[in-house]
């Protein structure tokens, strides 16, 4: 399946679904896919971004994913970012970190979920609860709010991933000192 085919499947599967603010869910999927692309992810990871919530939300099932004409890496990433019922956040994060490419997809997902403009559309208690949840997951994944690992200043890329450009405070001064 091409990325365009995966996008069409994801849009159809999530048709009629809205996010917590009442926006069409496909807007979130598109934002995560674009976030993956902007972070250096290739087609396999962009496809995973389009599908990142499909199994968890029950709009596609594991049998569909297994049979789909997708690269194994895309399937592995979708499975890694699919939260399981009753799963502890630490276990979820360990699976993401153990799967090449999954951290990049989850970083894009968290970035869009935690966007202050999206959170502002929610009631204050929900916004606070979700912001805390997203902050905790970034910590479990070793990410700061701008996708950089908390310990080294940049994510370690896995195969097919490129780290984000350094933030302004990570760049050497123009005069080299």
N, C-alpha and C. Protein backbone atom coordinates (compact mmCIF):
# COMPACT_ATOMS: atom_id res chain seq x y z
N UNK A 1 0.84 -1.18 0.00
CA UNK A 1 0.00 0.00 0.00
C UNK A 1 0.88 1.25 0.00
N UNK A 2 0.50 2.21 -0.77
CA UNK A 2 1.20 3.49 -0.77
C UNK A 2 0.75 4.31 0.44
N UNK A 3 1.48 5.37 0.74
CA UNK A 3 1.07 6.26 1.82
C UNK A 3 -0.31 6.84 1.52
N UNK A 4 -0.57 7.19 0.27
CA UNK A 4 -1.89 7.71 -0.09
C UNK A 4 -2.99 6.68 0.16
N UNK A 5 -2.70 5.40 -0.13
CA UNK A 5 -3.67 4.33 0.15
C UNK A 5 -3.91 4.20 1.65
N UNK A 6 -2.83 4.25 2.43
CA UNK A 6 -2.96 4.14 3.88
C UNK A 6 -3.75 5.32 4.42
N UNK A 7 -3.47 6.53 3.91
CA UNK A 7 -4.23 7.71 4.33
C UNK A 7 -5.72 7.50 4.06
N UNK A 8 -6.06 7.02 2.87
CA UNK A 8 -7.47 6.80 2.52
C UNK A 8 -8.12 5.78 3.45
N UNK A 9 -7.40 4.70 3.76
CA UNK A 9 -7.93 3.68 4.68
C UNK A 9 -8.15 4.30 6.06
N UNK A 10 -7.18 5.05 6.54
CA UNK A 10 -7.27 5.65 7.88
C UNK A 10 -8.41 6.66 7.94
N UNK A 11 -8.52 7.49 6.91
CA UNK A 11 -9.61 8.48 6.90
C UNK A 11 -10.98 7.78 6.88
N UNK A 12 -11.11 6.72 6.09
CA UNK A 12 -12.38 5.99 6.03
C UNK A 12 -12.67 5.28 7.37
N UNK A 13 -11.63 4.68 7.95
CA UNK A 13 -11.82 3.95 9.20
C UNK A 13 -12.24 4.88 10.34
N UNK A 14 -11.70 6.09 10.36
CA UNK A 14 -11.99 7.05 11.42
C UNK A 14 -13.11 8.03 11.04
N UNK A 15 -13.75 7.82 9.89
CA UNK A 15 -14.83 8.73 9.45
C UNK A 15 -15.89 8.84 10.53
N UNK A 16 -16.31 10.06 10.79
CA UNK A 16 -17.32 10.29 11.80
C UNK A 16 -16.79 10.38 13.22
N UNK A 17 -15.54 10.00 13.43
CA UNK A 17 -14.94 10.08 14.76
C UNK A 17 -14.41 11.50 14.98
N UNK A 18 -14.55 11.99 16.20
CA UNK A 18 -14.03 13.31 16.54
C UNK A 18 -13.08 13.20 17.71
N UNK A 19 -12.24 14.23 17.86
CA UNK A 19 -11.35 14.26 19.02
C UNK A 19 -12.10 14.83 20.22
N UNK A 20 -11.41 15.00 21.33
CA UNK A 20 -12.06 15.48 22.55
C UNK A 20 -12.64 16.88 22.41
N UNK A 21 -12.13 17.65 21.46
CA UNK A 21 -12.62 19.02 21.24
C UNK A 21 -13.72 19.06 20.18
N UNK A 22 -14.07 17.88 19.63
CA UNK A 22 -15.13 17.83 18.63
C UNK A 22 -14.66 18.02 17.20
N UNK A 23 -13.35 18.07 16.98
CA UNK A 23 -12.80 18.22 15.64
C UNK A 23 -12.75 16.85 14.95
N UNK A 24 -12.84 16.83 13.61
CA UNK A 24 -12.71 15.54 12.90
C UNK A 24 -11.39 14.86 13.25
N UNK A 25 -11.46 13.58 13.59
CA UNK A 25 -10.26 12.87 14.03
C UNK A 25 -9.18 12.80 12.95
N UNK A 26 -9.59 12.83 11.71
CA UNK A 26 -8.61 12.78 10.62
C UNK A 26 -7.64 13.96 10.67
N UNK A 27 -8.07 15.08 11.25
CA UNK A 27 -7.15 16.22 11.39
C UNK A 27 -5.96 15.85 12.28
N UNK A 28 -6.23 15.09 13.34
CA UNK A 28 -5.13 14.62 14.21
C UNK A 28 -4.21 13.68 13.45
N UNK A 29 -4.78 12.75 12.73
CA UNK A 29 -3.97 11.80 11.97
C UNK A 29 -3.08 12.52 10.97
N UNK A 30 -3.64 13.49 10.26
CA UNK A 30 -2.87 14.26 9.29
C UNK A 30 -1.74 15.03 9.97
N UNK A 31 -2.02 15.61 11.12
CA UNK A 31 -1.00 16.36 11.84
C UNK A 31 0.13 15.46 12.32
N UNK A 32 -0.20 14.27 12.79
CA UNK A 32 0.83 13.33 13.23
C UNK A 32 1.66 12.86 12.03
N UNK A 33 1.00 12.55 10.93
CA UNK A 33 1.73 12.14 9.72
C UNK A 33 2.69 13.24 9.27
N UNK A 34 2.20 14.49 9.25
CA UNK A 34 3.07 15.61 8.87
C UNK A 34 4.19 15.78 9.88
N UNK A 35 3.90 15.60 11.15
CA UNK A 35 4.93 15.70 12.18
C UNK A 35 6.02 14.65 12.02
N UNK A 36 5.62 13.44 11.64
CA UNK A 36 6.60 12.38 11.38
C UNK A 36 7.47 12.76 10.19
N UNK A 37 6.85 13.23 9.13
CA UNK A 37 7.60 13.64 7.93
C UNK A 37 8.56 14.78 8.29
N UNK A 38 8.09 15.75 9.06
CA UNK A 38 8.93 16.90 9.44
C UNK A 38 10.10 16.48 10.33
N UNK A 39 9.94 15.38 11.05
CA UNK A 39 11.01 14.88 11.92
C UNK A 39 11.94 13.94 11.18
N UNK A 40 11.75 13.79 9.88
CA UNK A 40 12.65 12.97 9.07
C UNK A 40 12.18 11.57 8.81
N UNK A 41 10.96 11.25 9.20
CA UNK A 41 10.45 9.90 8.96
C UNK A 41 10.12 9.68 7.50
N UNK A 42 10.41 8.49 7.03
CA UNK A 42 10.11 8.12 5.65
C UNK A 42 8.70 7.57 5.52
N UNK A 43 8.40 7.04 4.34
CA UNK A 43 7.05 6.57 4.04
C UNK A 43 6.55 5.49 5.00
N UNK A 44 7.43 4.58 5.43
CA UNK A 44 7.00 3.52 6.35
C UNK A 44 6.49 4.11 7.67
N UNK A 45 7.17 5.15 8.15
CA UNK A 45 6.75 5.77 9.42
C UNK A 45 5.57 6.71 9.23
N UNK A 46 5.50 7.37 8.08
CA UNK A 46 4.33 8.21 7.80
C UNK A 46 3.08 7.33 7.72
N UNK A 47 3.20 6.17 7.08
CA UNK A 47 2.06 5.24 7.04
C UNK A 47 1.67 4.81 8.45
N UNK A 48 2.66 4.53 9.29
CA UNK A 48 2.37 4.15 10.67
C UNK A 48 1.67 5.29 11.41
N UNK A 49 2.06 6.52 11.10
CA UNK A 49 1.41 7.68 11.73
C UNK A 49 -0.07 7.74 11.37
N UNK A 50 -0.38 7.51 10.11
CA UNK A 50 -1.80 7.51 9.69
C UNK A 50 -2.59 6.43 10.43
N UNK A 51 -1.93 5.34 10.77
CA UNK A 51 -2.61 4.20 11.40
C UNK A 51 -2.40 4.12 12.91
N UNK A 52 -1.71 5.09 13.50
CA UNK A 52 -1.24 4.94 14.87
C UNK A 52 -2.34 4.71 15.91
N UNK A 53 -3.54 5.17 15.67
CA UNK A 53 -4.63 4.96 16.63
C UNK A 53 -5.68 3.97 16.15
N UNK A 54 -5.52 3.42 14.97
CA UNK A 54 -6.59 2.62 14.36
C UNK A 54 -6.92 1.35 15.14
N UNK A 55 -5.90 0.61 15.55
CA UNK A 55 -6.17 -0.63 16.29
C UNK A 55 -6.62 -0.29 17.71
N UNK A 56 -5.94 0.67 18.35
CA UNK A 56 -6.31 1.07 19.71
C UNK A 56 -7.75 1.56 19.78
N UNK A 57 -8.17 2.32 18.78
CA UNK A 57 -9.54 2.85 18.76
C UNK A 57 -10.56 1.83 18.26
N UNK A 58 -10.10 0.69 17.76
CA UNK A 58 -11.00 -0.36 17.30
C UNK A 58 -11.61 -0.13 15.94
N UNK A 59 -11.06 0.82 15.17
CA UNK A 59 -11.62 1.06 13.84
C UNK A 59 -11.01 0.12 12.80
N UNK A 60 -9.86 -0.44 13.11
CA UNK A 60 -9.25 -1.53 12.34
C UNK A 60 -8.78 -2.55 13.37
N UNK A 61 -8.71 -3.80 12.99
CA UNK A 61 -8.28 -4.80 13.97
C UNK A 61 -6.93 -5.39 13.60
N UNK A 62 -6.41 -6.17 14.52
CA UNK A 62 -5.10 -6.79 14.35
C UNK A 62 -5.08 -7.68 13.11
N UNK A 63 -6.18 -8.34 12.81
CA UNK A 63 -6.23 -9.20 11.62
C UNK A 63 -6.08 -8.35 10.35
N UNK A 64 -6.71 -7.19 10.31
CA UNK A 64 -6.56 -6.30 9.17
C UNK A 64 -5.09 -5.89 9.04
N UNK A 65 -4.50 -5.49 10.16
CA UNK A 65 -3.11 -5.04 10.13
C UNK A 65 -2.19 -6.16 9.65
N UNK A 66 -2.39 -7.35 10.15
CA UNK A 66 -1.54 -8.48 9.75
C UNK A 66 -1.66 -8.76 8.25
N UNK A 67 -2.86 -8.67 7.70
CA UNK A 67 -3.08 -9.00 6.29
C UNK A 67 -2.75 -7.84 5.34
N UNK A 68 -2.67 -6.65 5.87
CA UNK A 68 -2.46 -5.47 5.01
C UNK A 68 -1.12 -5.55 4.28
N UNK A 69 -1.12 -5.05 3.06
CA UNK A 69 0.10 -5.02 2.23
C UNK A 69 0.96 -3.83 2.66
N UNK A 70 1.51 -3.96 3.87
CA UNK A 70 2.35 -2.91 4.45
C UNK A 70 3.71 -3.49 4.79
N UNK A 71 4.73 -2.65 4.81
CA UNK A 71 6.04 -3.14 5.26
C UNK A 71 5.95 -3.62 6.71
N UNK A 72 6.75 -4.61 7.05
CA UNK A 72 6.75 -5.13 8.42
C UNK A 72 7.06 -4.02 9.42
N UNK A 73 7.95 -3.12 9.06
CA UNK A 73 8.30 -2.03 9.98
C UNK A 73 7.07 -1.18 10.31
N UNK A 74 6.24 -0.88 9.33
CA UNK A 74 5.03 -0.10 9.59
C UNK A 74 4.14 -0.85 10.56
N UNK A 75 3.94 -2.14 10.33
CA UNK A 75 3.11 -2.94 11.22
C UNK A 75 3.69 -2.97 12.63
N UNK A 76 5.01 -3.14 12.73
CA UNK A 76 5.65 -3.19 14.05
C UNK A 76 5.46 -1.88 14.81
N UNK A 77 5.58 -0.75 14.11
CA UNK A 77 5.42 0.55 14.76
C UNK A 77 3.97 0.74 15.21
N UNK A 78 3.01 0.40 14.35
CA UNK A 78 1.61 0.52 14.74
C UNK A 78 1.34 -0.31 15.98
N UNK A 79 1.85 -1.52 16.02
CA UNK A 79 1.64 -2.38 17.20
C UNK A 79 2.31 -1.77 18.43
N UNK A 80 3.49 -1.21 18.26
CA UNK A 80 4.22 -0.64 19.39
C UNK A 80 3.50 0.56 20.00
N UNK A 81 2.89 1.39 19.16
CA UNK A 81 2.23 2.60 19.68
C UNK A 81 0.76 2.36 20.05
N UNK A 82 0.30 1.14 19.89
CA UNK A 82 -1.07 0.80 20.27
C UNK A 82 -1.10 0.45 21.76
N UNK A 83 -1.71 1.32 22.54
CA UNK A 83 -1.81 1.10 23.99
C UNK A 83 -2.79 -0.03 24.25
N UNK A 84 -2.39 -0.92 25.13
CA UNK A 84 -3.22 -2.08 25.46
C UNK A 84 -4.05 -1.81 26.72
N UNK A 85 -5.24 -2.37 26.79
CA UNK A 85 -6.09 -2.14 27.97
C UNK A 85 -5.35 -2.51 29.26
N UNK A 86 -5.40 -1.60 30.22
CA UNK A 86 -4.79 -1.85 31.52
C UNK A 86 -3.27 -1.75 31.55
N UNK A 87 -2.67 -1.41 30.45
CA UNK A 87 -1.21 -1.36 30.38
C UNK A 87 -0.66 -0.16 31.14
N UNK A 88 0.38 -0.41 31.90
CA UNK A 88 1.06 0.66 32.63
C UNK A 88 1.85 1.52 31.66
N UNK A 89 1.89 2.83 31.89
CA UNK A 89 2.63 3.72 30.99
C UNK A 89 4.09 3.34 30.80
N UNK A 90 4.72 2.85 31.85
CA UNK A 90 6.13 2.46 31.75
C UNK A 90 6.32 1.29 30.78
N UNK A 91 5.43 0.32 30.83
CA UNK A 91 5.51 -0.83 29.92
C UNK A 91 5.25 -0.39 28.49
N UNK A 92 4.29 0.49 28.32
CA UNK A 92 3.98 1.05 27.00
C UNK A 92 5.21 1.77 26.44
N UNK A 93 5.83 2.59 27.25
CA UNK A 93 7.03 3.33 26.81
C UNK A 93 8.17 2.38 26.47
N UNK A 94 8.36 1.34 27.25
CA UNK A 94 9.44 0.38 26.96
C UNK A 94 9.24 -0.27 25.60
N UNK A 95 7.99 -0.62 25.27
CA UNK A 95 7.72 -1.24 23.96
C UNK A 95 8.00 -0.25 22.84
N UNK A 96 7.60 1.00 23.02
CA UNK A 96 7.88 2.03 22.01
C UNK A 96 9.38 2.17 21.82
N UNK A 97 10.11 2.28 22.92
CA UNK A 97 11.57 2.47 22.82
C UNK A 97 12.28 1.27 22.22
N UNK A 98 11.70 0.10 22.35
CA UNK A 98 12.31 -1.13 21.81
C UNK A 98 12.03 -1.34 20.33
N UNK A 99 11.16 -0.52 19.76
CA UNK A 99 10.74 -0.71 18.36
C UNK A 99 11.27 0.43 17.51
N UNK A 100 12.19 0.15 16.60
CA UNK A 100 12.75 1.23 15.76
C UNK A 100 11.65 2.00 15.02
N UNK A 101 11.68 3.31 15.18
CA UNK A 101 10.72 4.18 14.51
C UNK A 101 9.53 4.56 15.36
N UNK A 102 9.21 3.75 16.36
CA UNK A 102 8.00 4.01 17.15
C UNK A 102 8.13 5.29 17.98
N UNK A 103 9.31 5.56 18.49
CA UNK A 103 9.49 6.77 19.30
C UNK A 103 9.24 8.02 18.47
N UNK A 104 9.67 8.02 17.23
CA UNK A 104 9.46 9.18 16.37
C UNK A 104 7.96 9.39 16.13
N UNK A 105 7.23 8.32 15.86
CA UNK A 105 5.78 8.43 15.65
C UNK A 105 5.10 8.91 16.93
N UNK A 106 5.48 8.36 18.06
CA UNK A 106 4.86 8.77 19.32
C UNK A 106 5.23 10.21 19.65
N UNK A 107 6.45 10.64 19.34
CA UNK A 107 6.83 12.04 19.58
C UNK A 107 5.94 12.98 18.79
N UNK A 108 5.66 12.65 17.53
CA UNK A 108 4.77 13.48 16.72
C UNK A 108 3.35 13.47 17.27
N UNK A 109 2.90 12.32 17.73
CA UNK A 109 1.57 12.19 18.34
C UNK A 109 1.48 13.05 19.60
N UNK A 110 2.46 12.93 20.47
CA UNK A 110 2.46 13.72 21.70
C UNK A 110 2.53 15.21 21.41
N UNK A 111 3.34 15.59 20.44
CA UNK A 111 3.46 17.01 20.10
C UNK A 111 2.12 17.58 19.67
N UNK A 112 1.38 16.84 18.86
CA UNK A 112 0.09 17.35 18.42
C UNK A 112 -0.93 17.29 19.56
N UNK A 113 -0.93 16.22 20.32
CA UNK A 113 -1.87 16.11 21.44
C UNK A 113 -1.66 17.22 22.47
N UNK A 114 -0.41 17.59 22.70
CA UNK A 114 -0.08 18.58 23.72
C UNK A 114 -0.04 20.01 23.18
N UNK A 115 -0.40 20.20 21.94
CA UNK A 115 -0.41 21.54 21.36
C UNK A 115 -1.32 22.43 22.21
N UNK A 116 -0.80 23.53 22.73
CA UNK A 116 -1.62 24.41 23.58
C UNK A 116 -2.91 24.87 22.92
N UNK A 117 -2.92 25.01 21.60
CA UNK A 117 -4.15 25.42 20.92
C UNK A 117 -5.21 24.33 21.00
N UNK A 118 -4.78 23.07 20.93
CA UNK A 118 -5.75 21.98 21.07
C UNK A 118 -6.24 21.87 22.50
N UNK A 119 -5.30 21.97 23.45
CA UNK A 119 -5.69 21.86 24.85
C UNK A 119 -6.61 23.00 25.28
N UNK A 120 -6.41 24.19 24.69
CA UNK A 120 -7.24 25.35 25.05
C UNK A 120 -8.70 25.15 24.66
N UNK A 121 -8.98 24.25 23.74
CA UNK A 121 -10.36 24.00 23.32
C UNK A 121 -11.11 23.10 24.30
N UNK A 122 -10.40 22.57 25.28
CA UNK A 122 -10.99 21.64 26.25
C UNK A 122 -11.33 22.36 27.55
N UNK A 123 -12.18 21.75 28.35
CA UNK A 123 -12.43 22.31 29.67
C UNK A 123 -11.14 22.21 30.49
N UNK A 124 -10.99 23.09 31.45
CA UNK A 124 -9.73 23.20 32.20
C UNK A 124 -9.32 21.90 32.89
N UNK A 125 -10.21 21.18 33.57
CA UNK A 125 -9.77 19.93 34.22
C UNK A 125 -9.26 18.89 33.21
N UNK A 126 -9.94 18.77 32.08
CA UNK A 126 -9.50 17.82 31.06
C UNK A 126 -8.17 18.23 30.48
N UNK A 127 -8.01 19.50 30.19
CA UNK A 127 -6.74 20.00 29.64
C UNK A 127 -5.59 19.74 30.61
N UNK A 128 -5.80 19.99 31.90
CA UNK A 128 -4.74 19.75 32.89
C UNK A 128 -4.41 18.27 32.99
N UNK A 129 -5.44 17.42 33.00
CA UNK A 129 -5.22 15.97 33.10
C UNK A 129 -4.43 15.45 31.90
N UNK A 130 -4.83 15.89 30.71
CA UNK A 130 -4.14 15.43 29.50
C UNK A 130 -2.72 15.99 29.42
N UNK A 131 -2.53 17.24 29.76
CA UNK A 131 -1.19 17.82 29.74
C UNK A 131 -0.26 17.04 30.66
N UNK A 132 -0.74 16.67 31.84
CA UNK A 132 0.07 15.89 32.77
C UNK A 132 0.37 14.50 32.19
N UNK A 133 -0.61 13.90 31.57
CA UNK A 133 -0.43 12.58 30.95
C UNK A 133 0.62 12.64 29.84
N UNK A 134 0.54 13.65 28.99
CA UNK A 134 1.49 13.78 27.89
C UNK A 134 2.89 14.10 28.39
N UNK A 135 2.99 14.91 29.42
CA UNK A 135 4.29 15.23 30.01
C UNK A 135 4.92 13.98 30.59
N UNK A 136 4.13 13.17 31.28
CA UNK A 136 4.65 11.93 31.86
C UNK A 136 5.15 10.99 30.77
N UNK A 137 4.39 10.85 29.66
CA UNK A 137 4.83 9.95 28.60
C UNK A 137 6.11 10.48 27.94
N UNK A 138 6.20 11.79 27.74
CA UNK A 138 7.45 12.34 27.19
C UNK A 138 8.62 11.98 28.11
N UNK A 139 8.40 12.08 29.40
CA UNK A 139 9.46 11.74 30.37
C UNK A 139 9.83 10.26 30.23
N UNK A 140 8.83 9.38 30.15
CA UNK A 140 9.11 7.94 30.00
C UNK A 140 9.91 7.65 28.73
N UNK A 141 9.65 8.44 27.69
CA UNK A 141 10.34 8.24 26.41
C UNK A 141 11.64 9.02 26.31
N UNK A 142 11.96 9.79 27.34
CA UNK A 142 13.19 10.57 27.32
C UNK A 142 13.10 11.80 26.44
N UNK A 143 11.88 12.31 26.24
CA UNK A 143 11.68 13.49 25.41
C UNK A 143 11.36 14.70 26.27
N UNK A 144 11.79 15.85 25.81
CA UNK A 144 11.33 17.09 26.41
C UNK A 144 10.17 17.57 25.56
N UNK A 145 9.60 18.70 25.91
CA UNK A 145 8.43 19.20 25.18
C UNK A 145 8.73 19.46 23.71
N UNK A 146 10.00 19.68 23.37
CA UNK A 146 10.33 19.94 21.97
C UNK A 146 10.95 18.72 21.29
N UNK A 147 10.65 17.53 21.81
CA UNK A 147 11.05 16.24 21.23
C UNK A 147 12.50 15.86 21.47
N UNK A 148 13.24 16.65 22.21
CA UNK A 148 14.64 16.30 22.45
C UNK A 148 14.74 15.40 23.67
N UNK A 149 15.67 14.44 23.67
CA UNK A 149 15.85 13.63 24.87
C UNK A 149 16.25 14.52 26.03
N UNK A 150 15.75 14.20 27.19
CA UNK A 150 16.02 15.00 28.37
C UNK A 150 17.49 14.95 28.78
N UNK A 151 18.20 13.89 28.40
CA UNK A 151 19.56 13.74 28.90
C UNK A 151 20.64 14.20 27.93
N UNK A 152 20.44 14.09 26.63
CA UNK A 152 21.51 14.37 25.69
C UNK A 152 21.27 15.57 24.80
N UNK A 153 20.07 16.12 24.82
CA UNK A 153 19.79 17.27 23.97
C UNK A 153 19.23 16.93 22.62
N UNK A 154 19.36 15.67 22.18
CA UNK A 154 18.81 15.25 20.88
C UNK A 154 18.42 13.80 20.93
N UNK A 155 17.35 13.43 20.22
CA UNK A 155 17.01 12.00 20.17
C UNK A 155 18.05 11.24 19.37
N UNK A 156 18.27 10.01 19.78
CA UNK A 156 19.13 9.14 19.00
C UNK A 156 18.31 8.57 17.88
N UNK A 157 18.68 8.83 16.63
CA UNK A 157 17.87 8.30 15.54
C UNK A 157 18.02 6.79 15.45
N UNK A 158 16.94 6.14 15.06
CA UNK A 158 17.01 4.73 14.73
C UNK A 158 17.00 4.66 13.21
N UNK A 159 17.17 3.51 12.67
CA UNK A 159 17.24 3.36 11.23
C UNK A 159 16.10 4.09 10.54
N UNK A 160 16.43 4.94 9.59
CA UNK A 160 15.43 5.65 8.82
C UNK A 160 14.91 6.90 9.48
N UNK A 161 15.46 7.25 10.64
CA UNK A 161 15.01 8.46 11.32
C UNK A 161 16.14 9.47 11.32
N UNK A 162 15.75 10.73 11.30
CA UNK A 162 16.70 11.82 11.38
C UNK A 162 16.28 12.67 12.57
N UNK A 163 17.24 13.04 13.44
CA UNK A 163 16.84 13.86 14.58
C UNK A 163 16.39 15.23 14.12
N UNK A 164 15.57 15.91 14.95
CA UNK A 164 15.17 17.26 14.58
C UNK A 164 16.36 18.20 14.58
N UNK A 165 16.23 19.30 13.87
CA UNK A 165 17.29 20.31 13.86
C UNK A 165 17.51 20.80 15.27
N UNK A 166 18.74 21.16 15.59
CA UNK A 166 18.99 21.65 16.94
C UNK A 166 18.19 22.91 17.23
N UNK A 167 17.77 23.02 18.47
CA UNK A 167 17.11 24.24 18.89
C UNK A 167 18.13 25.36 18.92
N UNK A 168 17.66 26.58 18.92
CA UNK A 168 18.56 27.73 18.87
C UNK A 168 19.62 27.65 19.97
N UNK A 169 19.24 27.17 21.17
CA UNK A 169 20.21 27.12 22.26
C UNK A 169 21.19 25.96 22.11
N UNK A 170 20.98 25.06 21.15
CA UNK A 170 21.91 23.95 20.90
C UNK A 170 22.95 24.32 19.84
N UNK A 171 22.75 25.39 19.11
CA UNK A 171 23.65 25.74 18.03
C UNK A 171 24.86 26.48 18.59
N UNK A 172 26.03 26.25 17.99
CA UNK A 172 27.20 27.01 18.46
C UNK A 172 27.04 28.48 18.08
N UNK A 173 27.65 29.37 18.83
CA UNK A 173 27.57 30.79 18.47
C UNK A 173 28.13 31.02 17.07
N UNK A 174 27.65 32.04 16.42
CA UNK A 174 28.07 32.32 15.05
C UNK A 174 29.57 32.56 14.93
N UNK A 175 30.20 33.07 15.98
CA UNK A 175 31.64 33.34 15.91
C UNK A 175 32.46 32.12 16.29
N UNK A 176 31.81 30.97 16.54
CA UNK A 176 32.52 29.73 16.79
C UNK A 176 32.92 29.53 18.25
N UNK A 177 32.63 30.49 19.13
CA UNK A 177 33.00 30.35 20.53
C UNK A 177 31.86 29.87 21.37
